N, C-alpha and C. Protein backbone atom coordinates (compact mmCIF):
# COMPACT_ATOMS: atom_id res chain seq x y z
N UNK A 1 48.72 -16.31 -0.95
CA UNK A 1 48.79 -15.59 0.30
C UNK A 1 47.59 -15.96 1.18
N UNK A 2 47.83 -16.15 2.45
CA UNK A 2 46.77 -16.55 3.37
C UNK A 2 45.90 -15.39 3.81
N UNK A 3 44.66 -15.71 4.12
CA UNK A 3 43.69 -14.72 4.59
C UNK A 3 43.35 -15.03 6.04
N UNK A 4 43.46 -14.03 6.90
CA UNK A 4 43.17 -14.21 8.32
C UNK A 4 41.67 -14.20 8.55
N UNK A 5 41.13 -15.32 9.04
CA UNK A 5 39.69 -15.41 9.31
C UNK A 5 39.44 -15.72 10.79
N UNK A 6 40.36 -15.30 11.63
CA UNK A 6 40.27 -15.59 13.06
C UNK A 6 38.97 -15.07 13.66
N UNK A 7 38.63 -13.80 13.37
CA UNK A 7 37.41 -13.23 13.97
C UNK A 7 36.16 -13.90 13.42
N UNK A 8 36.16 -14.24 12.13
CA UNK A 8 35.01 -14.93 11.53
C UNK A 8 34.86 -16.33 12.10
N UNK A 9 35.99 -16.98 12.34
CA UNK A 9 35.96 -18.31 12.97
C UNK A 9 35.30 -18.24 14.34
N UNK A 10 35.66 -17.22 15.13
CA UNK A 10 35.08 -17.04 16.46
C UNK A 10 33.59 -16.74 16.38
N UNK A 11 33.21 -15.84 15.46
CA UNK A 11 31.78 -15.51 15.29
C UNK A 11 30.99 -16.75 14.89
N UNK A 12 31.52 -17.52 13.93
CA UNK A 12 30.84 -18.72 13.47
C UNK A 12 30.72 -19.77 14.55
N UNK A 13 31.78 -19.92 15.35
CA UNK A 13 31.77 -20.91 16.43
C UNK A 13 30.74 -20.53 17.49
N UNK A 14 30.75 -19.28 17.93
CA UNK A 14 29.79 -18.84 18.96
C UNK A 14 28.37 -18.92 18.40
N UNK A 15 28.18 -18.45 17.16
CA UNK A 15 26.85 -18.50 16.55
C UNK A 15 26.32 -19.92 16.41
N UNK A 16 27.21 -20.83 16.02
CA UNK A 16 26.80 -22.24 15.87
C UNK A 16 26.44 -22.86 17.21
N UNK A 17 27.20 -22.52 18.24
CA UNK A 17 26.88 -23.03 19.58
C UNK A 17 25.53 -22.49 20.04
N UNK A 18 25.28 -21.20 19.81
CA UNK A 18 24.00 -20.61 20.22
C UNK A 18 22.83 -21.23 19.48
N UNK A 19 22.97 -21.48 18.18
CA UNK A 19 21.86 -22.10 17.44
C UNK A 19 21.67 -23.55 17.88
N UNK A 20 22.78 -24.23 18.21
CA UNK A 20 22.67 -25.61 18.72
C UNK A 20 21.94 -25.62 20.06
N UNK A 21 22.33 -24.73 20.96
CA UNK A 21 21.69 -24.65 22.28
C UNK A 21 20.22 -24.24 22.11
N UNK A 22 19.97 -23.26 21.27
CA UNK A 22 18.59 -22.80 21.06
C UNK A 22 17.70 -23.89 20.49
N UNK A 23 18.24 -24.67 19.55
CA UNK A 23 17.45 -25.75 18.97
C UNK A 23 17.29 -26.94 19.89
N UNK A 24 18.31 -27.22 20.70
CA UNK A 24 18.28 -28.40 21.55
C UNK A 24 17.36 -28.24 22.75
N UNK A 25 17.34 -27.04 23.35
CA UNK A 25 16.51 -26.86 24.54
C UNK A 25 15.18 -26.21 24.19
N UNK A 26 14.91 -26.10 22.90
CA UNK A 26 13.65 -25.51 22.47
C UNK A 26 12.44 -26.34 22.86
N UNK A 27 12.66 -27.57 23.27
CA UNK A 27 11.54 -28.43 23.66
C UNK A 27 11.09 -28.14 25.09
N UNK A 28 11.85 -27.35 25.84
CA UNK A 28 11.47 -27.03 27.21
C UNK A 28 10.32 -26.04 27.18
N UNK A 29 9.19 -26.33 27.85
CA UNK A 29 8.04 -25.43 27.79
C UNK A 29 8.32 -24.08 28.45
N UNK A 30 7.60 -23.06 27.97
CA UNK A 30 7.63 -21.71 28.54
C UNK A 30 8.99 -21.02 28.42
N UNK A 31 9.82 -21.46 27.53
CA UNK A 31 11.12 -20.83 27.33
C UNK A 31 11.23 -20.22 25.93
N UNK A 32 10.10 -20.13 25.22
CA UNK A 32 10.09 -19.75 23.81
C UNK A 32 10.81 -18.46 23.48
N UNK A 33 10.53 -17.38 24.19
CA UNK A 33 11.13 -16.08 23.87
C UNK A 33 12.64 -16.11 24.05
N UNK A 34 13.10 -16.72 25.14
CA UNK A 34 14.54 -16.77 25.40
C UNK A 34 15.24 -17.63 24.36
N UNK A 35 14.67 -18.80 24.09
CA UNK A 35 15.27 -19.71 23.12
C UNK A 35 15.27 -19.08 21.74
N UNK A 36 14.16 -18.44 21.38
CA UNK A 36 14.08 -17.77 20.09
C UNK A 36 15.14 -16.70 19.95
N UNK A 37 15.36 -15.94 21.00
CA UNK A 37 16.38 -14.89 20.98
C UNK A 37 17.77 -15.47 20.85
N UNK A 38 18.05 -16.54 21.59
CA UNK A 38 19.36 -17.20 21.52
C UNK A 38 19.61 -17.71 20.10
N UNK A 39 18.62 -18.36 19.52
CA UNK A 39 18.76 -18.89 18.16
C UNK A 39 18.94 -17.77 17.14
N UNK A 40 18.18 -16.68 17.30
CA UNK A 40 18.28 -15.55 16.37
C UNK A 40 19.67 -14.92 16.43
N UNK A 41 20.18 -14.71 17.64
CA UNK A 41 21.54 -14.16 17.80
C UNK A 41 22.55 -15.10 17.14
N UNK A 42 22.37 -16.40 17.34
CA UNK A 42 23.26 -17.38 16.73
C UNK A 42 23.24 -17.30 15.21
N UNK A 43 22.04 -17.20 14.63
CA UNK A 43 21.91 -17.08 13.17
C UNK A 43 22.63 -15.84 12.65
N UNK A 44 22.45 -14.72 13.36
CA UNK A 44 23.08 -13.47 12.94
C UNK A 44 24.60 -13.59 12.99
N UNK A 45 25.12 -14.20 14.04
CA UNK A 45 26.57 -14.37 14.16
C UNK A 45 27.12 -15.27 13.04
N UNK A 46 26.39 -16.34 12.73
CA UNK A 46 26.83 -17.22 11.64
C UNK A 46 26.79 -16.46 10.31
N UNK A 47 25.73 -15.68 10.09
CA UNK A 47 25.66 -14.87 8.87
C UNK A 47 26.85 -13.90 8.78
N UNK A 48 27.17 -13.26 9.88
CA UNK A 48 28.31 -12.33 9.90
C UNK A 48 29.62 -13.07 9.59
N UNK A 49 29.77 -14.26 10.15
CA UNK A 49 30.98 -15.05 9.89
C UNK A 49 31.08 -15.42 8.41
N UNK A 50 29.98 -15.89 7.84
CA UNK A 50 29.98 -16.30 6.44
C UNK A 50 30.20 -15.10 5.52
N UNK A 51 29.63 -13.96 5.87
CA UNK A 51 29.83 -12.74 5.08
C UNK A 51 31.31 -12.34 5.10
N UNK A 52 31.91 -12.34 6.28
CA UNK A 52 33.32 -11.97 6.40
C UNK A 52 34.24 -12.91 5.63
N UNK A 53 33.98 -14.22 5.76
CA UNK A 53 34.80 -15.21 5.05
C UNK A 53 34.62 -15.04 3.55
N UNK A 54 33.37 -14.87 3.11
CA UNK A 54 33.11 -14.68 1.68
C UNK A 54 33.79 -13.44 1.13
N UNK A 55 33.72 -12.35 1.87
CA UNK A 55 34.38 -11.11 1.43
C UNK A 55 35.88 -11.28 1.32
N UNK A 56 36.48 -11.92 2.31
CA UNK A 56 37.93 -12.09 2.31
C UNK A 56 38.42 -13.07 1.25
N UNK A 57 37.58 -14.06 0.92
CA UNK A 57 37.98 -15.05 -0.07
C UNK A 57 37.45 -14.74 -1.47
N UNK A 58 36.64 -13.67 -1.58
CA UNK A 58 36.11 -13.29 -2.88
C UNK A 58 35.04 -14.23 -3.42
N UNK A 59 34.27 -14.85 -2.53
CA UNK A 59 33.21 -15.77 -2.95
C UNK A 59 32.05 -15.61 -1.98
N UNK A 60 30.94 -15.08 -2.47
CA UNK A 60 29.81 -14.80 -1.58
C UNK A 60 28.84 -15.96 -1.43
N UNK A 61 29.11 -17.11 -2.02
CA UNK A 61 28.15 -18.23 -1.97
C UNK A 61 27.77 -18.66 -0.56
N UNK A 62 28.73 -18.85 0.36
CA UNK A 62 28.30 -19.29 1.70
C UNK A 62 27.30 -18.33 2.34
N UNK A 63 27.60 -17.04 2.29
CA UNK A 63 26.70 -16.04 2.88
C UNK A 63 25.37 -15.99 2.12
N UNK A 64 25.45 -15.93 0.81
CA UNK A 64 24.24 -15.78 -0.01
C UNK A 64 23.28 -16.95 0.21
N UNK A 65 23.80 -18.17 0.14
CA UNK A 65 22.93 -19.33 0.32
C UNK A 65 22.37 -19.42 1.73
N UNK A 66 23.19 -19.08 2.71
CA UNK A 66 22.69 -19.12 4.10
C UNK A 66 21.62 -18.05 4.31
N UNK A 67 21.81 -16.88 3.71
CA UNK A 67 20.81 -15.82 3.80
C UNK A 67 19.51 -16.26 3.14
N UNK A 68 19.60 -16.89 1.96
CA UNK A 68 18.40 -17.43 1.31
C UNK A 68 17.68 -18.40 2.25
N UNK A 69 18.44 -19.24 2.91
CA UNK A 69 17.87 -20.22 3.83
C UNK A 69 17.11 -19.55 4.96
N UNK A 70 17.70 -18.50 5.54
CA UNK A 70 17.05 -17.78 6.64
C UNK A 70 15.77 -17.10 6.15
N UNK A 71 15.82 -16.50 4.97
CA UNK A 71 14.63 -15.82 4.41
C UNK A 71 13.52 -16.83 4.16
N UNK A 72 13.86 -17.96 3.57
CA UNK A 72 12.85 -18.99 3.30
C UNK A 72 12.24 -19.50 4.60
N UNK A 73 13.06 -19.70 5.63
CA UNK A 73 12.54 -20.16 6.93
C UNK A 73 11.60 -19.14 7.53
N UNK A 74 11.93 -17.86 7.41
CA UNK A 74 11.06 -16.80 7.93
C UNK A 74 9.73 -16.78 7.19
N UNK A 75 9.77 -16.88 5.87
CA UNK A 75 8.53 -16.91 5.07
C UNK A 75 7.71 -18.14 5.44
N UNK A 76 8.37 -19.28 5.62
CA UNK A 76 7.66 -20.52 5.98
C UNK A 76 6.94 -20.35 7.31
N UNK A 77 7.58 -19.72 8.27
CA UNK A 77 6.97 -19.50 9.58
C UNK A 77 5.73 -18.60 9.45
N UNK A 78 5.84 -17.51 8.69
CA UNK A 78 4.72 -16.58 8.50
C UNK A 78 3.55 -17.30 7.82
N UNK A 79 3.85 -18.07 6.75
CA UNK A 79 2.80 -18.80 6.03
C UNK A 79 2.12 -19.79 6.97
N UNK A 80 2.90 -20.51 7.77
CA UNK A 80 2.33 -21.48 8.70
C UNK A 80 1.39 -20.80 9.68
N UNK A 81 1.83 -19.71 10.28
CA UNK A 81 1.00 -19.00 11.28
C UNK A 81 -0.28 -18.48 10.64
N UNK A 82 -0.17 -17.81 9.49
CA UNK A 82 -1.35 -17.22 8.84
C UNK A 82 -2.35 -18.30 8.46
N UNK A 83 -1.89 -19.37 7.83
CA UNK A 83 -2.81 -20.42 7.39
C UNK A 83 -3.45 -21.14 8.57
N UNK A 84 -2.66 -21.45 9.60
CA UNK A 84 -3.20 -22.17 10.75
C UNK A 84 -4.22 -21.31 11.50
N UNK A 85 -3.89 -20.05 11.73
CA UNK A 85 -4.83 -19.15 12.43
C UNK A 85 -6.10 -19.00 11.62
N UNK A 86 -5.97 -18.76 10.32
CA UNK A 86 -7.16 -18.63 9.46
C UNK A 86 -7.98 -19.91 9.48
N UNK A 87 -7.29 -21.05 9.41
CA UNK A 87 -8.00 -22.34 9.42
C UNK A 87 -8.74 -22.58 10.72
N UNK A 88 -8.10 -22.28 11.84
CA UNK A 88 -8.74 -22.47 13.15
C UNK A 88 -9.94 -21.55 13.31
N UNK A 89 -9.82 -20.32 12.84
CA UNK A 89 -10.93 -19.37 12.95
C UNK A 89 -12.13 -19.77 12.09
N UNK A 90 -11.91 -20.55 11.05
CA UNK A 90 -13.00 -20.97 10.18
C UNK A 90 -13.78 -22.16 10.75
N UNK A 91 -13.20 -22.86 11.70
CA UNK A 91 -13.88 -24.01 12.30
C UNK A 91 -14.85 -23.50 13.36
N UNK A 92 -16.13 -23.85 13.26
CA UNK A 92 -17.11 -23.35 14.23
C UNK A 92 -16.81 -23.85 15.65
N UNK A 93 -17.20 -23.05 16.64
CA UNK A 93 -16.95 -23.40 18.04
C UNK A 93 -17.64 -24.69 18.45
N UNK A 94 -18.81 -24.94 17.87
CA UNK A 94 -19.56 -26.15 18.26
C UNK A 94 -18.99 -27.40 17.62
N UNK A 95 -17.97 -27.25 16.77
CA UNK A 95 -17.26 -28.41 16.23
C UNK A 95 -18.02 -29.17 15.16
N UNK A 96 -18.91 -28.52 14.43
CA UNK A 96 -19.66 -29.17 13.36
C UNK A 96 -18.76 -29.24 12.12
N UNK A 97 -18.16 -30.40 11.90
CA UNK A 97 -17.21 -30.53 10.80
C UNK A 97 -17.88 -30.78 9.45
N UNK A 98 -19.23 -30.81 9.43
CA UNK A 98 -19.93 -30.91 8.16
C UNK A 98 -20.15 -29.51 7.56
N UNK A 99 -19.92 -28.50 8.35
CA UNK A 99 -20.04 -27.12 7.89
C UNK A 99 -18.97 -26.85 6.82
N UNK A 100 -19.36 -26.20 5.70
CA UNK A 100 -18.37 -25.93 4.63
C UNK A 100 -17.17 -25.11 5.11
N UNK A 101 -17.41 -24.17 6.04
CA UNK A 101 -16.29 -23.38 6.55
C UNK A 101 -15.32 -24.25 7.37
N UNK A 102 -15.87 -25.22 8.08
CA UNK A 102 -15.02 -26.13 8.85
C UNK A 102 -14.13 -26.94 7.92
N UNK A 103 -14.72 -27.42 6.82
CA UNK A 103 -13.95 -28.19 5.85
C UNK A 103 -12.84 -27.33 5.25
N UNK A 104 -13.18 -26.07 4.93
CA UNK A 104 -12.17 -25.15 4.39
C UNK A 104 -11.08 -24.88 5.42
N UNK A 105 -11.49 -24.73 6.69
CA UNK A 105 -10.53 -24.48 7.75
C UNK A 105 -9.55 -25.63 7.92
N UNK A 106 -10.08 -26.85 7.90
CA UNK A 106 -9.22 -28.03 8.01
C UNK A 106 -8.30 -28.11 6.79
N UNK A 107 -8.85 -27.79 5.62
CA UNK A 107 -8.04 -27.77 4.39
C UNK A 107 -6.90 -26.77 4.49
N UNK A 108 -7.18 -25.60 5.08
CA UNK A 108 -6.14 -24.58 5.22
C UNK A 108 -5.05 -25.04 6.18
N UNK A 109 -5.44 -25.72 7.25
CA UNK A 109 -4.45 -26.22 8.21
C UNK A 109 -3.56 -27.28 7.55
N UNK A 110 -4.17 -28.18 6.78
CA UNK A 110 -3.39 -29.20 6.07
C UNK A 110 -2.47 -28.54 5.05
N UNK A 111 -3.01 -27.56 4.30
CA UNK A 111 -2.20 -26.84 3.31
C UNK A 111 -1.03 -26.14 3.98
N UNK A 112 -1.26 -25.60 5.18
CA UNK A 112 -0.19 -24.90 5.91
C UNK A 112 0.97 -25.84 6.18
N UNK A 113 0.67 -27.04 6.63
CA UNK A 113 1.75 -27.98 6.94
C UNK A 113 2.45 -28.49 5.68
N UNK A 114 1.69 -28.68 4.59
CA UNK A 114 2.31 -29.09 3.32
C UNK A 114 3.26 -27.99 2.82
N UNK A 115 2.77 -26.74 2.83
CA UNK A 115 3.60 -25.63 2.40
C UNK A 115 4.82 -25.46 3.31
N UNK A 116 4.61 -25.67 4.61
CA UNK A 116 5.72 -25.55 5.55
C UNK A 116 6.81 -26.56 5.23
N UNK A 117 6.42 -27.80 4.91
CA UNK A 117 7.40 -28.84 4.58
C UNK A 117 8.14 -28.47 3.28
N UNK A 118 7.40 -27.96 2.28
CA UNK A 118 8.03 -27.56 1.03
C UNK A 118 9.05 -26.44 1.28
N UNK A 119 8.64 -25.42 2.05
CA UNK A 119 9.54 -24.32 2.37
C UNK A 119 10.74 -24.82 3.19
N UNK A 120 10.48 -25.73 4.11
CA UNK A 120 11.56 -26.27 4.95
C UNK A 120 12.62 -26.95 4.09
N UNK A 121 12.18 -27.79 3.15
CA UNK A 121 13.12 -28.50 2.28
C UNK A 121 13.90 -27.50 1.42
N UNK A 122 13.21 -26.47 0.90
CA UNK A 122 13.88 -25.45 0.10
C UNK A 122 14.92 -24.70 0.94
N UNK A 123 14.53 -24.33 2.16
CA UNK A 123 15.46 -23.63 3.05
C UNK A 123 16.67 -24.47 3.40
N UNK A 124 16.43 -25.74 3.66
CA UNK A 124 17.54 -26.64 4.00
C UNK A 124 18.44 -26.86 2.78
N UNK A 125 17.84 -26.89 1.59
CA UNK A 125 18.65 -27.02 0.37
C UNK A 125 19.64 -25.85 0.27
N UNK A 126 19.15 -24.63 0.51
CA UNK A 126 20.04 -23.47 0.45
C UNK A 126 21.12 -23.54 1.54
N UNK A 127 20.73 -23.95 2.75
CA UNK A 127 21.73 -24.05 3.81
C UNK A 127 22.77 -25.12 3.47
N UNK A 128 22.32 -26.22 2.89
CA UNK A 128 23.24 -27.29 2.46
C UNK A 128 24.24 -26.73 1.45
N UNK A 129 23.75 -25.93 0.50
CA UNK A 129 24.63 -25.33 -0.50
C UNK A 129 25.67 -24.42 0.16
N UNK A 130 25.25 -23.72 1.20
CA UNK A 130 26.16 -22.84 1.92
C UNK A 130 27.31 -23.63 2.53
N UNK A 131 26.99 -24.74 3.20
CA UNK A 131 28.03 -25.55 3.84
C UNK A 131 28.91 -26.25 2.83
N UNK A 132 28.33 -26.66 1.69
CA UNK A 132 29.14 -27.26 0.63
C UNK A 132 30.14 -26.24 0.08
N UNK A 133 29.69 -24.99 -0.08
CA UNK A 133 30.58 -23.93 -0.56
C UNK A 133 31.69 -23.68 0.46
N UNK A 134 31.35 -23.70 1.76
CA UNK A 134 32.37 -23.53 2.80
C UNK A 134 33.40 -24.66 2.75
N UNK A 135 32.94 -25.86 2.50
CA UNK A 135 33.85 -27.00 2.38
C UNK A 135 34.79 -26.79 1.19
N UNK A 136 34.21 -26.35 0.08
CA UNK A 136 35.01 -26.12 -1.12
C UNK A 136 36.06 -25.02 -0.90
N UNK A 137 35.68 -23.98 -0.19
CA UNK A 137 36.58 -22.84 0.02
C UNK A 137 37.64 -23.11 1.09
N UNK A 138 37.27 -23.86 2.12
CA UNK A 138 38.18 -24.01 3.27
C UNK A 138 38.85 -25.38 3.35
N UNK A 139 38.25 -26.39 2.74
CA UNK A 139 38.78 -27.75 2.85
C UNK A 139 38.48 -28.42 4.17
N UNK A 140 37.67 -27.79 5.02
CA UNK A 140 37.30 -28.37 6.33
C UNK A 140 36.18 -29.38 6.09
N UNK A 141 36.51 -30.66 6.23
CA UNK A 141 35.56 -31.72 5.86
C UNK A 141 34.29 -31.71 6.70
N UNK A 142 34.36 -31.15 7.92
CA UNK A 142 33.15 -31.11 8.76
C UNK A 142 32.05 -30.24 8.16
N UNK A 143 32.42 -29.28 7.31
CA UNK A 143 31.38 -28.50 6.62
C UNK A 143 30.61 -29.40 5.66
N UNK A 144 31.33 -30.31 4.99
CA UNK A 144 30.67 -31.27 4.10
C UNK A 144 29.76 -32.20 4.91
N UNK A 145 30.24 -32.64 6.07
CA UNK A 145 29.43 -33.50 6.94
C UNK A 145 28.18 -32.76 7.43
N UNK A 146 28.34 -31.49 7.74
CA UNK A 146 27.19 -30.68 8.16
C UNK A 146 26.13 -30.69 7.06
N UNK A 147 26.56 -30.44 5.83
CA UNK A 147 25.63 -30.42 4.70
C UNK A 147 24.93 -31.75 4.53
N UNK A 148 25.69 -32.84 4.63
CA UNK A 148 25.12 -34.19 4.44
C UNK A 148 24.07 -34.52 5.50
N UNK A 149 24.44 -34.33 6.78
CA UNK A 149 23.52 -34.67 7.86
C UNK A 149 22.30 -33.74 7.87
N UNK A 150 22.50 -32.49 7.51
CA UNK A 150 21.40 -31.53 7.45
C UNK A 150 20.38 -31.97 6.40
N UNK A 151 20.86 -32.33 5.23
CA UNK A 151 19.97 -32.73 4.13
C UNK A 151 19.18 -33.98 4.50
N UNK A 152 19.87 -35.01 5.00
CA UNK A 152 19.16 -36.25 5.36
C UNK A 152 18.23 -36.02 6.55
N UNK A 153 18.63 -35.15 7.46
CA UNK A 153 17.77 -34.84 8.60
C UNK A 153 16.47 -34.18 8.16
N UNK A 154 16.58 -33.24 7.23
CA UNK A 154 15.38 -32.54 6.74
C UNK A 154 14.46 -33.51 6.00
N UNK A 155 15.04 -34.38 5.18
CA UNK A 155 14.23 -35.31 4.40
C UNK A 155 13.55 -36.37 5.26
N UNK A 156 14.12 -36.67 6.43
CA UNK A 156 13.54 -37.71 7.29
C UNK A 156 12.91 -37.14 8.57
N UNK A 157 12.79 -35.82 8.63
CA UNK A 157 12.23 -35.20 9.85
C UNK A 157 10.80 -35.65 10.11
N UNK A 158 10.08 -35.99 9.05
CA UNK A 158 8.68 -36.39 9.20
C UNK A 158 8.56 -37.69 10.01
N UNK A 159 9.60 -38.53 9.98
CA UNK A 159 9.54 -39.78 10.76
C UNK A 159 10.37 -39.68 12.04
N UNK A 160 10.66 -38.47 12.45
CA UNK A 160 11.31 -38.13 13.72
C UNK A 160 12.79 -38.50 13.80
N UNK A 161 13.25 -39.52 13.08
CA UNK A 161 14.68 -39.84 13.09
C UNK A 161 15.46 -38.65 12.56
N UNK A 162 14.80 -37.89 11.68
CA UNK A 162 15.44 -36.73 11.09
C UNK A 162 15.83 -35.68 12.12
N UNK A 163 15.08 -35.60 13.22
CA UNK A 163 15.41 -34.62 14.25
C UNK A 163 16.77 -34.95 14.89
N UNK A 164 17.04 -36.22 15.05
CA UNK A 164 18.36 -36.64 15.55
C UNK A 164 19.45 -36.29 14.54
N UNK A 165 19.16 -36.51 13.26
CA UNK A 165 20.14 -36.20 12.22
C UNK A 165 20.39 -34.69 12.14
N UNK A 166 19.35 -33.89 12.36
CA UNK A 166 19.52 -32.43 12.37
C UNK A 166 20.39 -32.00 13.56
N UNK A 167 20.23 -32.69 14.68
CA UNK A 167 21.08 -32.41 15.84
C UNK A 167 22.54 -32.75 15.52
N UNK A 168 22.76 -33.87 14.85
CA UNK A 168 24.11 -34.26 14.45
C UNK A 168 24.70 -33.21 13.51
N UNK A 169 23.88 -32.71 12.58
CA UNK A 169 24.34 -31.66 11.66
C UNK A 169 24.77 -30.41 12.42
N UNK A 170 23.99 -30.04 13.44
CA UNK A 170 24.33 -28.86 14.25
C UNK A 170 25.65 -29.06 15.00
N UNK A 171 25.86 -30.28 15.48
CA UNK A 171 27.12 -30.58 16.18
C UNK A 171 28.29 -30.49 15.21
N UNK A 172 28.10 -31.04 14.01
CA UNK A 172 29.16 -30.95 12.99
C UNK A 172 29.45 -29.50 12.61
N UNK A 173 28.41 -28.67 12.61
CA UNK A 173 28.61 -27.25 12.29
C UNK A 173 29.53 -26.60 13.33
N UNK A 174 29.30 -26.90 14.60
CA UNK A 174 30.16 -26.37 15.66
C UNK A 174 31.60 -26.88 15.47
N UNK A 175 31.74 -28.18 15.21
CA UNK A 175 33.07 -28.77 15.02
C UNK A 175 33.76 -28.15 13.80
N UNK A 176 32.99 -27.89 12.73
CA UNK A 176 33.56 -27.31 11.51
C UNK A 176 34.18 -25.95 11.79
N UNK A 177 33.44 -25.09 12.51
CA UNK A 177 34.00 -23.77 12.82
C UNK A 177 35.17 -23.89 13.79
N UNK A 178 35.11 -24.85 14.71
CA UNK A 178 36.22 -25.06 15.64
C UNK A 178 37.48 -25.50 14.90
N UNK A 179 37.31 -26.28 13.82
CA UNK A 179 38.44 -26.79 13.04
C UNK A 179 38.86 -25.86 11.91
N UNK A 180 38.14 -24.77 11.72
CA UNK A 180 38.49 -23.82 10.67
C UNK A 180 39.85 -23.19 10.99
N UNK A 181 40.79 -23.26 10.06
CA UNK A 181 42.09 -22.65 10.34
C UNK A 181 41.96 -21.13 10.49
N UNK A 182 42.86 -20.54 11.24
CA UNK A 182 42.82 -19.09 11.43
C UNK A 182 43.27 -18.36 10.17
N UNK A 183 44.03 -19.05 9.33
CA UNK A 183 44.47 -18.47 8.05
C UNK A 183 44.10 -19.45 6.94
N UNK A 184 43.41 -18.94 5.91
CA UNK A 184 42.98 -19.78 4.79
C UNK A 184 43.67 -19.27 3.54
N UNK A 185 44.13 -20.22 2.74
CA UNK A 185 44.73 -19.84 1.46
C UNK A 185 43.62 -19.46 0.48
N UNK A 186 43.80 -18.32 -0.17
CA UNK A 186 42.81 -17.85 -1.15
C UNK A 186 42.90 -18.71 -2.40
N UNK A 187 41.72 -19.18 -2.86
CA UNK A 187 41.66 -19.97 -4.09
C UNK A 187 41.17 -19.06 -5.20
N UNK A 188 41.17 -19.57 -6.41
CA UNK A 188 40.68 -18.79 -7.55
C UNK A 188 39.21 -18.50 -7.40
N UNK A 189 38.72 -17.43 -8.04
CA UNK A 189 37.30 -17.07 -7.94
C UNK A 189 36.43 -18.17 -8.52
N UNK A 190 35.26 -18.34 -7.90
CA UNK A 190 34.32 -19.36 -8.37
C UNK A 190 33.74 -18.96 -9.72
N UNK A 191 33.57 -19.95 -10.59
CA UNK A 191 33.00 -19.68 -11.91
C UNK A 191 31.48 -19.85 -11.90
N UNK A 192 30.92 -20.16 -10.71
CA UNK A 192 29.48 -20.38 -10.62
C UNK A 192 28.73 -19.09 -10.87
N UNK A 193 27.72 -19.17 -11.69
CA UNK A 193 26.91 -17.99 -11.98
C UNK A 193 26.09 -17.63 -10.76
N UNK A 194 25.80 -16.36 -10.62
CA UNK A 194 25.00 -15.91 -9.47
C UNK A 194 23.61 -16.50 -9.56
N UNK A 195 23.06 -16.89 -8.43
CA UNK A 195 21.72 -17.50 -8.39
C UNK A 195 20.67 -16.41 -8.50
């Protein structure tokens, strides 16, 4: 018997478009609060869509993994801000980098970026798992493409080509929700153990 996911499809499509727009125009200066709000609303809509689809299909993996991804990204942002602010405050105003506090401050800033990259990769891993689960549940191949481009984009973001790949992943995410059928056939429950 088919499950009607029309409203979840709409939520996911709008949310994906908002996160795409928020991420794409985030480079425009002095637009931070607006862009952040647009992206946050988009994330919430995608979470709602994944929760609804998971509930209707009896498989919470897409929602659970995406939620893990959002939590990890939030923690990464907090860690980055705390470490960078602490590191900057430890560097003396006169710029004497031989001072032990200055060395510690620079070390904290470097540690912040290393930790941020580790958290970023972990967060992207969870998001990739979410899209792979959506592909498995719905058969929409663009969810698989989203996962693939997202993963390679995150791994190559340090050399900037990854940013283009992340943009491609976001576009595939929009296409995936646009191609999601309004009615999905329920498959057997997943045998995957809870994470």
